[in-house]
Amino acid sequence: MVETRYVRDHYDAISGDYESHDPTKGKRLRKILSQVNFNKKTVLDVAGGTGYIGQTIKQMGGTYIDIDISKGMLSLAREKLLPIRGNHLLVLSDVHRIPLRENKVDIALVSEVLEHVENPRGVLREVSRVLKPNGTIIVTNPNPFWAPIQYLAEKVKYKAPEGPHKYIYHRELMRNIEQEGFSIFTVDIDFMPFEGGIWSLLESSLKGTILDNLALKHYIVATKNQAQISS
């Protein structure tokens, strides 16, 4: 069972050392940034933590909003974002209740988040509410298949400890996204944290096949559909 207060306490406790133990951060950033154009867009980073994505979004001309429940993570985000020209907003809040008006943002990032919340569909519903008509959501989701390897990586301090979480299988997450008013238009994969050479060839050859169910994580890009907009 994932409880919000335990998630908050966990990330407050590890915030100072979080980014030094995130081996997938660089590749995840490049994958996300390749999906849409962030220039002159208002971007909501749901549980955006230390704001590492926000640095690049501001440099690309976007307005960045980081909502997170951890004061420690937002403190690091503030240090990163203040020196960079452009607009940003840091919001301390539970992501089950996003304190923004309806139809406020162009793009919502939900990266490595839904496995850490009490009600994943409730968070998706909130994201849909604050997205503008035809707004885009990008969801990244770790594959439960790799949970034992993730556990070992934490034990040897290769990656930061996950804290309270409940993994969501890819197909279930796809259904949840569609049921909360989105139309999925592309799915990308990440087989390993490594890039280039054989790894890029492997991802290209396996994407769209049955074997992509074994990917380390999936990147789901969807838009707020017309039925949801008019409801």
Protein backbone atom coordinates (compact mmCIF):
# COMPACT_ATOMS: atom_id res chain seq x y z
CA MET A 1 0.00 0.00 0.00
CA VAL A 2 1.34 3.41 -1.00
CA GLU A 3 0.58 6.18 1.50
CA THR A 4 1.28 9.79 0.60
CA ARG A 5 2.83 10.74 3.94
CA TYR A 6 5.41 7.95 3.68
CA VAL A 7 6.30 8.96 0.12
CA ARG A 8 6.78 12.56 1.30
CA ASP A 9 8.97 11.53 4.24
CA HIS A 10 11.06 9.21 2.07
CA TYR A 11 11.88 11.81 -0.56
CA ASP A 12 12.54 14.51 2.02
CA ALA A 13 15.06 12.14 3.62
CA ILE A 14 16.93 11.22 0.42
CA SER A 15 16.59 14.49 -1.52
CA GLY A 16 20.18 15.63 -0.95
CA ASP A 17 21.62 12.48 -2.52
CA TYR A 18 18.89 11.64 -5.00
CA GLU A 19 20.36 12.76 -8.30
CA SER A 20 23.77 11.19 -7.74
CA HIS A 21 22.03 7.78 -7.73
CA ASP A 22 19.78 8.06 -10.79
CA PRO A 23 21.55 6.25 -13.67
CA THR A 24 18.58 6.59 -16.04
CA LYS A 25 18.14 10.34 -15.64
CA GLY A 26 20.07 11.48 -18.71
CA LYS A 27 18.51 9.06 -21.15
CA ARG A 28 15.02 9.62 -19.72
CA LEU A 29 15.44 13.37 -20.18
CA ARG A 30 16.50 13.00 -23.82
CA LYS A 31 13.65 10.59 -24.56
CA ILE A 32 11.06 12.94 -23.04
CA LEU A 33 12.41 16.01 -24.81
CA SER A 34 12.30 14.21 -28.16
CA GLN A 35 8.52 13.67 -27.96
CA VAL A 36 7.12 17.21 -28.33
CA ASN A 37 8.12 20.85 -28.84
CA PHE A 38 8.38 22.65 -25.49
CA ASN A 39 9.01 26.15 -26.89
CA LYS A 40 6.48 28.71 -25.57
CA LYS A 41 4.52 25.93 -23.84
CA THR A 42 3.38 25.80 -20.21
CA VAL A 43 4.69 22.51 -18.85
CA LEU A 44 3.49 20.84 -15.64
CA ASP A 45 5.96 18.37 -14.13
CA VAL A 46 3.84 16.17 -11.83
CA ALA A 47 5.98 15.20 -8.82
CA GLY A 48 8.86 16.83 -10.69
CA GLY A 49 11.14 16.67 -7.66
CA THR A 50 14.53 18.31 -8.17
CA GLY A 51 13.45 20.00 -11.40
CA TYR A 52 16.20 18.55 -13.59
CA ILE A 53 13.80 18.45 -16.54
CA GLY A 54 12.81 22.04 -15.85
CA GLN A 55 16.30 23.34 -16.48
CA THR A 56 16.15 22.25 -20.11
CA ILE A 57 12.51 23.23 -20.59
CA LYS A 58 13.29 26.80 -19.50
CA GLN A 59 16.30 26.89 -21.82
CA MET A 60 14.01 25.73 -24.65
CA GLY A 61 11.65 28.66 -24.01
CA GLY A 62 8.97 26.89 -22.01
CA THR A 63 7.28 27.91 -18.76
CA TYR A 64 7.92 25.21 -16.15
CA ILE A 65 5.69 24.27 -13.19
CA ASP A 66 7.06 21.72 -10.72
CA ILE A 67 4.51 20.32 -8.27
CA ASP A 68 5.88 18.00 -5.59
CA ILE A 69 5.04 16.90 -2.05
CA SER A 70 8.66 17.00 -0.84
CA LYS A 71 10.11 20.26 0.50
CA GLY A 72 13.60 18.81 0.18
CA MET A 73 13.21 18.03 -3.51
CA LEU A 74 11.69 21.44 -4.27
CA SER A 75 14.54 23.14 -2.44
CA LEU A 76 16.97 21.54 -4.89
CA ALA A 77 14.72 22.54 -7.78
CA ARG A 78 14.83 26.16 -6.63
CA GLU A 79 18.65 26.16 -6.69
CA LYS A 80 18.68 24.75 -10.22
CA LEU A 81 16.01 26.93 -11.76
CA LEU A 82 16.64 30.40 -10.34
CA PRO A 83 19.81 31.11 -12.39
CA ILE A 84 18.10 30.21 -15.68
CA ARG A 85 16.25 32.90 -17.62
CA GLY A 86 12.55 32.27 -18.08
CA ASN A 87 9.47 31.52 -16.02
CA HIS A 88 8.97 28.77 -13.50
CA LEU A 89 6.72 28.00 -10.55
CA LEU A 90 7.39 25.60 -7.67
CA VAL A 91 4.32 24.24 -5.89
CA LEU A 92 4.36 22.21 -2.67
CA SER A 93 1.28 20.01 -2.95
CA ASP A 94 -0.11 16.50 -3.07
CA VAL A 95 -0.45 15.60 -6.76
CA HIS A 96 -3.88 14.08 -6.12
CA ARG A 97 -5.13 17.69 -5.80
CA ILE A 98 -3.28 19.91 -8.25
CA PRO A 99 -3.83 23.57 -7.24
CA LEU A 100 -4.20 24.90 -10.79
CA ARG A 101 -7.22 26.05 -12.77
CA GLU A 102 -8.78 23.92 -15.45
CA ASN A 103 -7.23 24.07 -18.94
CA LYS A 104 -4.08 25.73 -17.62
CA VAL A 105 -1.15 23.78 -19.12
CA ASP A 106 -0.10 22.63 -22.58
CA ILE A 107 2.02 19.62 -21.59
CA ALA A 108 2.05 17.43 -18.47
CA LEU A 109 4.99 15.20 -17.55
CA VAL A 110 4.22 12.23 -15.32
CA SER A 111 7.63 10.57 -15.14
CA GLU A 112 8.24 7.68 -12.75
CA VAL A 113 5.34 8.93 -10.62
CA LEU A 114 2.21 6.78 -10.78
CA GLU A 115 3.80 3.83 -8.97
CA HIS A 116 4.34 6.16 -5.97
CA VAL A 117 0.80 7.50 -5.51
CA GLU A 118 -2.22 6.16 -3.64
CA ASN A 119 -4.62 6.62 -6.56
CA PRO A 120 -2.95 6.59 -10.01
CA ARG A 121 -6.21 7.09 -11.89
CA GLY A 122 -7.11 10.00 -9.62
CA VAL A 123 -3.80 11.69 -10.50
CA LEU A 124 -4.41 11.10 -14.22
CA ARG A 125 -7.88 12.63 -13.79
CA GLU A 126 -6.37 15.73 -12.18
CA VAL A 127 -3.83 16.03 -14.97
CA SER A 128 -6.62 15.85 -17.54
CA ARG A 129 -8.49 18.60 -15.70
CA VAL A 130 -5.61 21.09 -15.83
CA LEU A 131 -4.54 20.29 -19.40
CA LYS A 132 -5.73 22.57 -22.16
CA PRO A 133 -7.87 21.17 -24.99
CA ASN A 134 -5.63 18.91 -27.11
CA GLY A 135 -2.96 19.08 -24.40
CA THR A 136 -0.29 16.39 -24.25
CA ILE A 137 0.60 14.03 -21.42
CA ILE A 138 3.88 12.11 -21.33
CA VAL A 139 3.94 9.19 -18.88
CA THR A 140 7.05 7.14 -18.17
CA ASN A 141 6.61 3.88 -16.32
CA PRO A 142 9.17 1.35 -15.01
CA ASN A 143 8.48 -2.27 -15.92
CA PRO A 144 7.58 -4.51 -12.93
CA PHE A 145 9.45 -7.33 -14.71
CA TRP A 146 12.71 -5.66 -13.69
CA ALA A 147 11.75 -5.14 -10.04
CA PRO A 148 14.29 -7.68 -8.67
CA ILE A 149 17.12 -5.98 -10.60
CA GLN A 150 15.94 -2.58 -9.38
CA TYR A 151 16.01 -3.90 -5.83
CA LEU A 152 19.60 -5.15 -6.22
CA ALA A 153 20.65 -1.84 -7.80
CA GLU A 154 19.35 -0.02 -4.73
CA LYS A 155 21.19 -2.35 -2.38
CA VAL A 156 24.55 -1.69 -4.07
CA LYS A 157 23.73 2.05 -4.21
CA TYR A 158 23.72 2.15 -8.02
CA LYS A 159 20.36 3.92 -7.85
CA ALA A 160 18.37 5.78 -5.23
CA PRO A 161 15.94 3.75 -3.11
CA GLU A 162 12.42 3.89 -4.52
CA GLY A 163 10.61 4.17 -1.22
CA PRO A 164 6.89 3.29 -1.04
CA HIS A 165 5.64 2.13 -4.42
CA LYS A 166 3.40 -0.28 -6.24
CA TYR A 167 4.43 -1.09 -9.79
CA ILE A 168 1.85 -0.84 -12.58
CA TYR A 169 1.96 -3.20 -15.54
CA HIS A 170 2.21 -1.51 -18.92
CA ARG A 171 -1.07 -2.75 -20.38
CA GLU A 172 -2.99 -1.82 -17.24
CA LEU A 173 -1.49 1.67 -17.32
CA MET A 174 -2.41 2.08 -20.99
CA ARG A 175 -6.01 1.21 -20.15
CA ASN A 176 -6.04 3.63 -17.21
CA ILE A 177 -4.75 6.47 -19.37
CA GLU A 178 -7.42 5.88 -22.00
CA GLN A 179 -10.18 5.52 -19.39
CA GLU A 180 -9.25 8.91 -17.93
CA GLY A 181 -9.91 10.76 -21.16
CA PHE A 182 -6.73 10.47 -23.24
CA SER A 183 -5.98 9.13 -26.69
CA ILE A 184 -2.58 7.42 -26.93
CA PHE A 185 -0.69 8.21 -30.12
CA THR A 186 2.79 6.79 -29.49
CA VAL A 187 4.69 4.50 -27.13
CA ASP A 188 8.48 4.48 -26.90
CA ILE A 189 10.68 2.05 -24.97
CA ASP A 190 13.89 2.03 -22.99
CA PHE A 191 15.63 -1.34 -22.71
CA MET A 192 18.68 -0.25 -20.73
CA PRO A 193 20.01 2.98 -19.22
CA PHE A 194 22.77 2.88 -21.86
CA GLU A 195 22.65 4.72 -25.19
CA GLY A 196 24.22 4.44 -28.62
CA GLY A 197 25.62 1.57 -30.62
CA ILE A 198 24.08 -1.83 -30.00
CA TRP A 199 21.60 -0.47 -27.44
CA SER A 200 20.00 1.93 -29.93
CA LEU A 201 19.83 -0.83 -32.54
CA LEU A 202 18.25 -3.18 -30.01
CA GLU A 203 15.58 -0.68 -29.02
CA SER A 204 14.77 0.13 -32.64
CA SER A 205 14.42 -3.52 -33.59
CA LEU A 206 12.29 -4.52 -30.60
CA LYS A 207 9.98 -1.49 -30.47
CA GLY A 208 6.46 -2.48 -31.47
CA THR A 209 7.10 -6.22 -31.12
CA ILE A 210 5.87 -8.52 -28.37
CA LEU A 211 9.31 -8.26 -26.78
CA ASP A 212 8.86 -4.61 -25.96
CA ASN A 213 6.89 -5.89 -22.96
CA LEU A 214 10.33 -6.69 -21.51
CA ALA A 215 11.56 -3.09 -21.79
CA LEU A 216 13.06 -1.43 -18.74
CA LYS A 217 10.45 1.32 -19.04
CA HIS A 218 7.82 2.67 -21.42
CA TYR A 219 7.16 6.24 -22.57
CA ILE A 220 3.48 6.80 -23.31
CA VAL A 221 2.47 9.97 -25.14
CA ALA A 222 -1.24 10.85 -25.30
CA THR A 223 -3.57 13.79 -25.89
CA LYS A 224 -6.65 14.94 -24.03
CA ASN A 225 -9.47 13.70 -26.22
CA GLN A 226 -12.54 15.60 -27.41
CA ALA A 227 -15.00 13.62 -25.28
CA GLN A 228 -13.10 14.66 -22.16
CA ILE A 229 -12.84 18.28 -23.32
CA SER A 230 -16.60 18.63 -23.81
CA SER A 231 -17.60 16.78 -20.63
